[in-house]
Amino acid sequence: MELLIQFGSYKVERRIVLALALVALACAHLSAQVPNEYEVKAAFLVKFASFVEWPEGAGAPGAGHRCIGVVGQDPFGQVLDDVVARKFVVRRFRSDQEPVGCEIVFVGASERKRLGSLLEHLHHSAVLTVSDMPGFCEQGGMINLTLGNNRIGLEINPEAAAESRLQLSSKLLGVARIVRQPVQGSR
């Protein structure tokens, strides 16, 4: 005796309906495990600390509490706190605050208008500056996280890092598109 289920005007075997339901459930479970853009970007922020050497006495990671700062509108939300748990302290700074006390500072897109003055303030502070806004490295930022073909890419301005006395690993530079900032007077 076959058990048939009425599906609209179609009669379908119960086994087929059950198999389709299991496939749909498995697909939903797998898609729930795919990290979103800002989960991946948060993981990058944490990993950058492994590929950067800070000058001695500059509050480098490993010497006490590590800090990642987010300036302006925070695109990460709780995701950053979840990803960096126990490895970093996350500090958020409003647009009218200067980020201090952090080894890595993510600059939100809301700071585009004051980007030049913000980067100038951080320029000699041995702070790794990171963003995901177009043109960030060309304006003096160090690492820009790009999105293309569902992949996070890296643009790096090694000159900006060197000016802040940060040494970037050749492994990090090897996977990035190197960006040169315009001549000093156009910054």
N, C-alpha and C. Protein backbone atom coordinates (compact mmCIF):
# COMPACT_ATOMS: atom_id res chain seq x y z
N MET A 1 0.83 -1.17 0.00
CA MET A 1 0.00 0.00 0.00
C MET A 1 0.89 1.24 0.00
N GLU A 2 0.72 2.13 -0.98
CA GLU A 2 1.48 3.37 -1.08
C GLU A 2 0.73 4.48 -0.40
N LEU A 3 1.48 5.29 0.34
CA LEU A 3 0.88 6.45 0.97
C LEU A 3 1.05 7.63 0.04
N LEU A 4 0.00 8.21 -0.41
CA LEU A 4 0.06 9.35 -1.31
C LEU A 4 -0.44 10.59 -0.60
N ILE A 5 0.19 11.69 -0.91
CA ILE A 5 -0.21 12.97 -0.33
C ILE A 5 -0.73 13.84 -1.46
N GLN A 6 -1.85 14.48 -1.22
CA GLN A 6 -2.44 15.37 -2.22
C GLN A 6 -1.69 16.70 -2.15
N PHE A 7 -1.07 17.13 -3.23
CA PHE A 7 -0.33 18.38 -3.32
C PHE A 7 -0.95 19.18 -4.45
N GLY A 8 -1.90 20.02 -4.13
CA GLY A 8 -2.64 20.71 -5.17
C GLY A 8 -3.41 19.68 -5.96
N SER A 9 -3.22 19.64 -7.26
CA SER A 9 -3.91 18.66 -8.08
C SER A 9 -3.03 17.43 -8.33
N TYR A 10 -1.83 17.39 -7.69
CA TYR A 10 -0.92 16.28 -7.88
C TYR A 10 -0.94 15.36 -6.66
N LYS A 11 -0.84 14.07 -6.93
CA LYS A 11 -0.69 13.10 -5.86
C LYS A 11 0.77 12.66 -5.86
N VAL A 12 1.42 12.81 -4.70
CA VAL A 12 2.85 12.55 -4.62
C VAL A 12 3.09 11.54 -3.49
N GLU A 13 4.06 10.66 -3.72
CA GLU A 13 4.41 9.69 -2.68
C GLU A 13 4.97 10.41 -1.47
N ARG A 14 4.64 9.90 -0.32
CA ARG A 14 5.09 10.48 0.94
C ARG A 14 6.61 10.51 1.03
N ARG A 15 7.29 9.50 0.51
CA ARG A 15 8.75 9.44 0.55
C ARG A 15 9.38 10.61 -0.19
N ILE A 16 8.81 10.98 -1.33
CA ILE A 16 9.35 12.08 -2.13
C ILE A 16 9.19 13.40 -1.38
N VAL A 17 8.02 13.60 -0.79
CA VAL A 17 7.78 14.83 -0.03
C VAL A 17 8.75 14.91 1.14
N LEU A 18 8.96 13.79 1.82
CA LEU A 18 9.87 13.76 2.96
C LEU A 18 11.30 14.05 2.50
N ALA A 19 11.72 13.46 1.40
CA ALA A 19 13.07 13.69 0.87
C ALA A 19 13.26 15.15 0.49
N LEU A 20 12.28 15.75 -0.16
CA LEU A 20 12.37 17.16 -0.54
C LEU A 20 12.42 18.05 0.70
N ALA A 21 11.66 17.72 1.70
CA ALA A 21 11.67 18.50 2.94
C ALA A 21 13.05 18.42 3.61
N LEU A 22 13.65 17.24 3.61
CA LEU A 22 14.98 17.09 4.21
C LEU A 22 16.04 17.86 3.43
N VAL A 23 15.96 17.83 2.11
CA VAL A 23 16.90 18.59 1.27
C VAL A 23 16.75 20.08 1.55
N ALA A 24 15.51 20.56 1.62
CA ALA A 24 15.26 21.98 1.89
C ALA A 24 15.80 22.36 3.26
N LEU A 25 15.61 21.51 4.24
CA LEU A 25 16.09 21.76 5.59
C LEU A 25 17.62 21.80 5.61
N ALA A 26 18.26 20.87 4.91
CA ALA A 26 19.72 20.84 4.86
C ALA A 26 20.27 22.08 4.18
N CYS A 27 19.63 22.51 3.10
CA CYS A 27 20.07 23.73 2.40
C CYS A 27 19.93 24.95 3.29
N ALA A 28 18.85 25.03 4.02
CA ALA A 28 18.64 26.15 4.93
C ALA A 28 19.71 26.16 6.01
N HIS A 29 20.05 24.99 6.53
CA HIS A 29 21.08 24.88 7.56
C HIS A 29 22.45 25.30 7.01
N LEU A 30 22.79 24.85 5.80
CA LEU A 30 24.06 25.22 5.19
C LEU A 30 24.15 26.70 4.91
N SER A 31 23.07 27.29 4.43
CA SER A 31 23.13 28.72 4.13
C SER A 31 23.22 29.53 5.41
N ALA A 32 22.74 29.01 6.51
CA ALA A 32 22.85 29.71 7.79
C ALA A 32 24.30 29.72 8.27
N GLN A 33 25.13 28.80 7.79
CA GLN A 33 26.51 28.71 8.22
C GLN A 33 27.45 29.56 7.38
N VAL A 34 27.00 30.12 6.29
CA VAL A 34 27.83 30.96 5.45
C VAL A 34 27.96 32.32 6.13
N PRO A 35 29.19 32.75 6.44
CA PRO A 35 29.35 34.02 7.14
C PRO A 35 28.98 35.19 6.24
N ASN A 36 28.45 36.25 6.86
CA ASN A 36 28.12 37.42 6.06
C ASN A 36 29.36 38.31 5.89
N GLU A 37 29.23 39.34 5.10
CA GLU A 37 30.37 40.20 4.76
C GLU A 37 31.09 40.74 5.99
N TYR A 38 30.34 41.23 6.97
CA TYR A 38 30.99 41.86 8.12
C TYR A 38 31.52 40.86 9.13
N GLU A 39 31.06 39.63 9.11
CA GLU A 39 31.68 38.58 9.91
C GLU A 39 33.08 38.30 9.36
N VAL A 40 33.19 38.23 8.04
CA VAL A 40 34.48 37.99 7.40
C VAL A 40 35.42 39.18 7.63
N LYS A 41 34.89 40.39 7.49
CA LYS A 41 35.72 41.58 7.69
C LYS A 41 36.19 41.67 9.15
N ALA A 42 35.35 41.29 10.09
CA ALA A 42 35.74 41.28 11.50
C ALA A 42 36.88 40.28 11.73
N ALA A 43 36.79 39.13 11.09
CA ALA A 43 37.85 38.13 11.21
C ALA A 43 39.16 38.66 10.63
N PHE A 44 39.07 39.41 9.52
CA PHE A 44 40.27 40.02 8.95
C PHE A 44 40.91 40.98 9.95
N LEU A 45 40.10 41.80 10.61
CA LEU A 45 40.65 42.75 11.58
C LEU A 45 41.47 42.04 12.65
N VAL A 46 40.96 40.93 13.12
CA VAL A 46 41.66 40.16 14.15
C VAL A 46 42.97 39.59 13.57
N LYS A 47 42.92 39.03 12.38
CA LYS A 47 44.10 38.39 11.78
C LYS A 47 45.19 39.40 11.42
N PHE A 48 44.79 40.64 11.10
CA PHE A 48 45.80 41.64 10.73
C PHE A 48 46.86 41.79 11.82
N ALA A 49 46.47 41.66 13.08
CA ALA A 49 47.43 41.80 14.19
C ALA A 49 48.58 40.81 14.07
N SER A 50 48.34 39.65 13.45
CA SER A 50 49.38 38.64 13.29
C SER A 50 50.36 38.98 12.18
N PHE A 51 49.99 39.92 11.32
CA PHE A 51 50.82 40.24 10.16
C PHE A 51 51.40 41.65 10.20
N VAL A 52 51.35 42.27 11.39
CA VAL A 52 51.86 43.63 11.55
C VAL A 52 52.79 43.65 12.75
N GLU A 53 53.94 44.32 12.57
CA GLU A 53 54.85 44.56 13.69
C GLU A 53 54.73 46.02 14.08
N TRP A 54 54.40 46.24 15.36
CA TRP A 54 54.33 47.59 15.88
C TRP A 54 55.68 47.98 16.45
N PRO A 55 56.03 49.27 16.43
CA PRO A 55 57.32 49.67 17.01
C PRO A 55 57.31 49.43 18.52
N GLU A 56 58.47 49.18 19.07
CA GLU A 56 58.58 48.92 20.50
C GLU A 56 58.04 50.12 21.29
N GLY A 57 57.23 49.79 22.31
CA GLY A 57 56.68 50.84 23.17
C GLY A 57 55.47 51.54 22.59
N ALA A 58 54.94 51.04 21.48
CA ALA A 58 53.81 51.71 20.84
C ALA A 58 52.48 51.05 21.18
N GLY A 59 52.44 50.23 22.22
CA GLY A 59 51.18 49.58 22.57
C GLY A 59 50.84 48.45 21.62
N ALA A 60 51.86 47.75 21.17
CA ALA A 60 51.65 46.68 20.20
C ALA A 60 50.85 45.53 20.80
N PRO A 61 50.08 44.82 19.96
CA PRO A 61 49.36 43.65 20.44
C PRO A 61 50.31 42.67 21.10
N GLY A 62 49.84 42.07 22.17
CA GLY A 62 50.67 41.16 22.92
C GLY A 62 51.14 41.81 24.21
N ALA A 63 51.18 43.14 24.24
CA ALA A 63 51.60 43.87 25.44
C ALA A 63 50.35 44.40 26.12
N GLY A 64 49.71 43.55 26.92
CA GLY A 64 48.50 43.99 27.60
C GLY A 64 47.27 43.78 26.74
N HIS A 65 46.26 44.58 26.97
CA HIS A 65 45.01 44.45 26.21
C HIS A 65 45.16 44.99 24.80
N ARG A 66 44.68 44.24 23.86
CA ARG A 66 44.64 44.70 22.46
C ARG A 66 43.32 45.42 22.24
N CYS A 67 43.32 46.39 21.35
CA CYS A 67 42.10 47.16 21.13
C CYS A 67 41.87 47.38 19.64
N ILE A 68 40.64 47.14 19.22
CA ILE A 68 40.17 47.52 17.89
C ILE A 68 39.16 48.62 18.09
N GLY A 69 39.38 49.75 17.45
CA GLY A 69 38.45 50.86 17.53
C GLY A 69 37.64 50.96 16.24
N VAL A 70 36.41 51.40 16.38
CA VAL A 70 35.55 51.65 15.22
C VAL A 70 35.13 53.11 15.32
N VAL A 71 35.44 53.88 14.28
CA VAL A 71 35.13 55.31 14.27
C VAL A 71 33.92 55.55 13.38
N GLY A 72 32.96 56.30 13.90
CA GLY A 72 31.77 56.64 13.13
C GLY A 72 30.73 55.54 13.16
N GLN A 73 29.89 55.53 12.12
CA GLN A 73 28.82 54.54 12.05
C GLN A 73 29.42 53.14 11.96
N ASP A 74 28.99 52.26 12.85
CA ASP A 74 29.56 50.92 12.99
C ASP A 74 28.81 49.92 12.10
N PRO A 75 29.44 49.43 11.02
CA PRO A 75 28.76 48.46 10.16
C PRO A 75 28.76 47.04 10.73
N PHE A 76 29.55 46.80 11.78
CA PHE A 76 29.69 45.46 12.34
C PHE A 76 28.60 45.09 13.33
N GLY A 77 28.19 46.03 14.15
CA GLY A 77 27.26 45.72 15.22
C GLY A 77 27.87 44.72 16.18
N GLN A 78 27.07 43.82 16.69
CA GLN A 78 27.50 42.82 17.67
C GLN A 78 28.48 41.81 17.07
N VAL A 79 28.49 41.68 15.75
CA VAL A 79 29.36 40.70 15.07
C VAL A 79 30.82 40.89 15.47
N LEU A 80 31.29 42.13 15.50
CA LEU A 80 32.69 42.38 15.84
C LEU A 80 33.00 41.91 17.25
N ASP A 81 32.12 42.21 18.19
CA ASP A 81 32.33 41.77 19.57
C ASP A 81 32.38 40.25 19.66
N ASP A 82 31.51 39.57 18.90
CA ASP A 82 31.47 38.11 18.93
C ASP A 82 32.74 37.50 18.34
N VAL A 83 33.23 38.07 17.24
CA VAL A 83 34.40 37.52 16.55
C VAL A 83 35.68 37.75 17.35
N VAL A 84 35.82 38.91 17.97
CA VAL A 84 37.07 39.24 18.65
C VAL A 84 37.09 38.83 20.11
N ALA A 85 36.03 38.21 20.58
CA ALA A 85 35.91 37.84 21.99
C ALA A 85 37.21 37.28 22.55
N ARG A 86 37.64 37.79 23.67
CA ARG A 86 38.83 37.38 24.42
C ARG A 86 40.16 37.73 23.76
N LYS A 87 40.15 38.16 22.51
CA LYS A 87 41.41 38.51 21.85
C LYS A 87 41.63 40.02 21.83
N PHE A 88 40.54 40.76 21.77
CA PHE A 88 40.61 42.22 21.69
C PHE A 88 39.50 42.85 22.52
N VAL A 89 39.71 44.08 22.85
CA VAL A 89 38.65 44.92 23.39
C VAL A 89 38.17 45.77 22.22
N VAL A 90 36.87 45.94 22.09
CA VAL A 90 36.33 46.78 21.02
C VAL A 90 35.88 48.10 21.63
N ARG A 91 36.36 49.19 21.06
CA ARG A 91 35.93 50.52 21.49
C ARG A 91 35.31 51.22 20.30
N ARG A 92 34.17 51.84 20.52
CA ARG A 92 33.47 52.57 19.46
C ARG A 92 33.56 54.06 19.74
N PHE A 93 33.88 54.81 18.68
CA PHE A 93 34.05 56.25 18.80
C PHE A 93 33.03 56.95 17.91
N ARG A 94 32.36 57.94 18.45
CA ARG A 94 31.44 58.75 17.65
C ARG A 94 32.24 59.61 16.69
N SER A 95 31.56 60.19 15.73
CA SER A 95 32.22 61.03 14.74
C SER A 95 32.96 62.21 15.36
N ASP A 96 32.48 62.70 16.49
CA ASP A 96 33.12 63.86 17.10
C ASP A 96 34.23 63.47 18.09
N GLN A 97 34.57 62.20 18.17
CA GLN A 97 35.62 61.73 19.07
C GLN A 97 36.85 61.30 18.27
N GLU A 98 38.01 61.53 18.83
CA GLU A 98 39.25 61.05 18.22
C GLU A 98 39.54 59.66 18.78
N PRO A 99 39.85 58.70 17.93
CA PRO A 99 40.14 57.34 18.42
C PRO A 99 41.52 57.28 19.08
N VAL A 100 41.54 56.94 20.35
CA VAL A 100 42.81 56.83 21.06
C VAL A 100 42.86 55.49 21.79
N GLY A 101 44.07 54.99 21.96
CA GLY A 101 44.27 53.78 22.75
C GLY A 101 44.00 52.48 22.02
N CYS A 102 43.95 52.49 20.71
CA CYS A 102 43.70 51.27 19.93
C CYS A 102 44.84 51.03 18.95
N GLU A 103 45.19 49.76 18.77
CA GLU A 103 46.23 49.41 17.79
C GLU A 103 45.68 49.35 16.38
N ILE A 104 44.41 49.01 16.25
CA ILE A 104 43.76 48.92 14.94
C ILE A 104 42.51 49.78 15.00
N VAL A 105 42.33 50.63 13.99
CA VAL A 105 41.15 51.49 13.92
C VAL A 105 40.45 51.27 12.59
N PHE A 106 39.18 50.87 12.66
CA PHE A 106 38.35 50.74 11.46
C PHE A 106 37.59 52.05 11.31
N VAL A 107 37.71 52.66 10.13
CA VAL A 107 37.05 53.93 9.85
C VAL A 107 35.79 53.65 9.04
N GLY A 108 34.64 53.95 9.65
CA GLY A 108 33.36 53.73 8.98
C GLY A 108 33.15 54.71 7.83
N ALA A 109 32.33 54.33 6.88
CA ALA A 109 32.06 55.15 5.70
C ALA A 109 31.45 56.50 6.06
N SER A 110 30.84 56.61 7.22
CA SER A 110 30.25 57.88 7.65
C SER A 110 31.32 58.96 7.88
N GLU A 111 32.58 58.56 7.93
CA GLU A 111 33.68 59.50 8.20
C GLU A 111 34.36 60.02 6.94
N ARG A 112 33.76 59.78 5.80
CA ARG A 112 34.37 60.18 4.52
C ARG A 112 34.74 61.67 4.49
N LYS A 113 33.86 62.52 5.01
CA LYS A 113 34.12 63.97 4.94
C LYS A 113 35.30 64.40 5.79
N ARG A 114 35.53 63.71 6.89
CA ARG A 114 36.65 64.11 7.75
C ARG A 114 37.82 63.12 7.69
N LEU A 115 37.84 62.31 6.65
CA LEU A 115 38.85 61.27 6.53
C LEU A 115 40.27 61.84 6.54
N GLY A 116 40.50 62.91 5.80
CA GLY A 116 41.84 63.51 5.75
C GLY A 116 42.34 63.93 7.12
N SER A 117 41.50 64.63 7.88
CA SER A 117 41.93 65.09 9.21
C SER A 117 42.07 63.91 10.19
N LEU A 118 41.21 62.93 10.06
CA LEU A 118 41.29 61.75 10.93
C LEU A 118 42.58 60.97 10.67
N LEU A 119 42.90 60.75 9.40
CA LEU A 119 44.13 60.03 9.07
C LEU A 119 45.36 60.83 9.47
N GLU A 120 45.29 62.15 9.33
CA GLU A 120 46.40 63.01 9.75
C GLU A 120 46.63 62.89 11.26
N HIS A 121 45.53 62.83 12.01
CA HIS A 121 45.63 62.68 13.47
C HIS A 121 46.29 61.34 13.84
N LEU A 122 45.97 60.29 13.09
CA LEU A 122 46.49 58.95 13.39
C LEU A 122 47.84 58.68 12.74
N HIS A 123 48.26 59.56 11.85
CA HIS A 123 49.43 59.36 11.00
C HIS A 123 50.69 58.95 11.75
N HIS A 124 50.99 59.55 12.86
CA HIS A 124 52.24 59.24 13.58
C HIS A 124 51.97 58.45 14.86
N SER A 125 50.83 57.80 14.95
CA SER A 125 50.44 57.12 16.18
C SER A 125 50.69 55.63 16.20
N ALA A 126 51.30 55.06 15.19
CA ALA A 126 51.51 53.61 15.12
C ALA A 126 50.19 52.85 15.27
N VAL A 127 49.19 53.32 14.55
CA VAL A 127 47.86 52.71 14.54
C VAL A 127 47.59 52.20 13.13
N LEU A 128 47.18 50.94 13.02
CA LEU A 128 46.82 50.37 11.73
C LEU A 128 45.43 50.86 11.37
N THR A 129 45.32 51.59 10.27
CA THR A 129 44.02 52.12 9.85
C THR A 129 43.43 51.23 8.76
N VAL A 130 42.15 50.89 8.93
CA VAL A 130 41.45 49.97 8.04
C VAL A 130 40.08 50.56 7.73
N SER A 131 39.59 50.34 6.52
CA SER A 131 38.24 50.77 6.16
C SER A 131 37.74 49.88 5.02
N ASP A 132 36.52 50.17 4.59
CA ASP A 132 35.99 49.51 3.41
C ASP A 132 35.37 50.52 2.46
N MET A 133 35.83 51.78 2.55
CA MET A 133 35.31 52.80 1.64
C MET A 133 36.25 52.96 0.44
N PRO A 134 35.67 53.11 -0.74
CA PRO A 134 36.50 53.29 -1.94
C PRO A 134 37.45 54.47 -1.80
N GLY A 135 38.68 54.30 -2.25
CA GLY A 135 39.67 55.38 -2.23
C GLY A 135 40.37 55.57 -0.89
N PHE A 136 40.12 54.70 0.06
CA PHE A 136 40.69 54.85 1.40
C PHE A 136 42.22 54.87 1.36
N CYS A 137 42.83 53.91 0.69
CA CYS A 137 44.29 53.84 0.64
C CYS A 137 44.89 55.01 -0.13
N GLU A 138 44.22 55.45 -1.18
CA GLU A 138 44.72 56.56 -1.96
C GLU A 138 44.75 57.85 -1.15
N GLN A 139 43.92 57.91 -0.11
CA GLN A 139 43.86 59.10 0.74
C GLN A 139 44.76 58.99 1.96
N GLY A 140 45.53 57.90 2.07
CA GLY A 140 46.47 57.76 3.16
C GLY A 140 46.13 56.67 4.16
N GLY A 141 45.02 55.95 3.96
CA GLY A 141 44.70 54.82 4.81
C GLY A 141 45.62 53.65 4.50
N MET A 142 45.69 52.70 5.39
CA MET A 142 46.65 51.59 5.22
C MET A 142 46.05 50.36 4.55
N ILE A 143 44.88 49.91 5.02
CA ILE A 143 44.27 48.71 4.44
C ILE A 143 42.81 48.98 4.12
N ASN A 144 42.43 48.66 2.91
CA ASN A 144 41.04 48.80 2.48
C ASN A 144 40.50 47.40 2.17
N LEU A 145 39.36 47.07 2.77
CA LEU A 145 38.69 45.79 2.52
C LEU A 145 37.69 45.99 1.38
N THR A 146 37.91 45.32 0.28
CA THR A 146 37.05 45.49 -0.88
C THR A 146 36.15 44.26 -1.04
N LEU A 147 35.05 44.44 -1.75
CA LEU A 147 34.14 43.33 -2.00
C LEU A 147 33.93 43.23 -3.50
N GLY A 148 34.20 42.05 -4.05
CA GLY A 148 34.00 41.80 -5.47
C GLY A 148 33.86 40.32 -5.72
N ASN A 149 32.91 39.94 -6.54
CA ASN A 149 32.65 38.52 -6.84
C ASN A 149 32.45 37.69 -5.57
N ASN A 150 31.72 38.26 -4.61
CA ASN A 150 31.44 37.59 -3.34
C ASN A 150 32.70 37.23 -2.55
N ARG A 151 33.76 38.00 -2.72
CA ARG A 151 35.01 37.77 -2.01
C ARG A 151 35.50 39.08 -1.42
N ILE A 152 36.12 38.98 -0.27
CA ILE A 152 36.76 40.13 0.35
C ILE A 152 38.18 40.19 -0.18
N GLY A 153 38.55 41.35 -0.70
CA GLY A 153 39.91 41.57 -1.19
C GLY A 153 40.59 42.63 -0.35
N LEU A 154 41.90 42.75 -0.52
CA LEU A 154 42.67 43.71 0.24
C LEU A 154 43.39 44.68 -0.69
N GLU A 155 43.32 45.95 -0.35
CA GLU A 155 44.17 46.97 -0.94
C GLU A 155 45.03 47.48 0.20
N ILE A 156 46.33 47.59 -0.05
CA ILE A 156 47.23 48.04 1.00
C ILE A 156 48.11 49.16 0.49
N ASN A 157 48.26 50.17 1.34
CA ASN A 157 49.16 51.29 1.08
C ASN A 157 50.36 51.11 2.02
N PRO A 158 51.42 50.43 1.56
CA PRO A 158 52.56 50.16 2.44
C PRO A 158 53.31 51.42 2.88
N GLU A 159 53.25 52.47 2.05
CA GLU A 159 53.92 53.72 2.41
C GLU A 159 53.27 54.35 3.63
N ALA A 160 51.93 54.32 3.68
CA ALA A 160 51.23 54.88 4.84
C ALA A 160 51.58 54.11 6.11
N ALA A 161 51.69 52.78 6.00
CA ALA A 161 52.07 51.97 7.16
C ALA A 161 53.49 52.29 7.59
N ALA A 162 54.41 52.41 6.65
CA ALA A 162 55.80 52.71 6.98
C ALA A 162 55.93 54.08 7.64
N GLU A 163 55.16 55.05 7.16
CA GLU A 163 55.20 56.38 7.76
C GLU A 163 54.74 56.36 9.22
N SER A 164 53.90 55.40 9.57
CA SER A 164 53.44 55.25 10.96
C SER A 164 54.27 54.24 11.73
N ARG A 165 55.41 53.85 11.16
CA ARG A 165 56.36 52.93 11.79
C ARG A 165 55.81 51.53 11.98
N LEU A 166 54.88 51.12 11.13
CA LEU A 166 54.33 49.77 11.17
C LEU A 166 55.00 48.94 10.08
N GLN A 167 55.38 47.73 10.42
CA GLN A 167 56.00 46.81 9.46
C GLN A 167 54.96 45.77 9.07
N LEU A 168 54.57 45.76 7.79
CA LEU A 168 53.59 44.79 7.30
C LEU A 168 54.31 43.56 6.77
N SER A 169 53.80 42.39 7.10
CA SER A 169 54.38 41.13 6.66
C SER A 169 54.33 41.00 5.14
N SER A 170 55.35 40.37 4.58
CA SER A 170 55.36 40.13 3.14
C SER A 170 54.23 39.18 2.75
N LYS A 171 53.80 38.31 3.68
CA LYS A 171 52.67 37.42 3.39
C LYS A 171 51.40 38.22 3.19
N LEU A 172 51.19 39.25 4.01
CA LEU A 172 50.02 40.11 3.87
C LEU A 172 50.09 40.90 2.58
N LEU A 173 51.25 41.46 2.31
CA LEU A 173 51.43 42.25 1.08
C LEU A 173 51.26 41.38 -0.17
N GLY A 174 51.64 40.11 -0.06
CA GLY A 174 51.56 39.20 -1.20
C GLY A 174 50.15 38.88 -1.65
N VAL A 175 49.17 39.03 -0.78
CA VAL A 175 47.79 38.71 -1.16
C VAL A 175 46.96 39.96 -1.42
N ALA A 176 47.62 41.11 -1.43
CA ALA A 176 46.89 42.38 -1.58
C ALA A 176 47.25 43.08 -2.89
N ARG A 177 46.36 43.97 -3.28
CA ARG A 177 46.67 44.90 -4.38
C ARG A 177 47.34 46.10 -3.74
N ILE A 178 48.55 46.40 -4.18
CA ILE A 178 49.32 47.51 -3.60
C ILE A 178 48.83 48.82 -4.20
N VAL A 179 48.56 49.77 -3.31
CA VAL A 179 48.06 51.09 -3.73
C VAL A 179 49.07 52.14 -3.29
N ARG A 180 49.40 53.00 -4.19
CA ARG A 180 50.30 54.13 -3.88
C ARG A 180 49.45 55.37 -3.74
N GLN A 181 49.72 56.14 -2.70
CA GLN A 181 48.97 57.38 -2.54
C GLN A 181 49.56 58.44 -3.44
N PRO A 182 48.76 59.43 -3.80
CA PRO A 182 49.26 60.52 -4.66
C PRO A 182 50.41 61.26 -4.00
N VAL A 183 51.06 62.09 -4.78
CA VAL A 183 52.18 62.87 -4.30
C VAL A 183 51.80 63.64 -3.03
N GLN A 184 52.73 63.81 -2.11
CA GLN A 184 52.50 64.38 -0.79
C GLN A 184 51.61 65.62 -0.79
N GLY A 185 51.74 66.53 -1.71
CA GLY A 185 50.97 67.77 -1.71
C GLY A 185 49.50 67.59 -1.97
N SER A 186 49.06 66.47 -2.55
CA SER A 186 47.65 66.27 -2.88
C SER A 186 46.90 65.49 -1.83
N ARG A 187 47.49 65.21 -0.70
CA ARG A 187 46.87 64.45 0.38
C ARG A 187 45.89 65.26 1.08
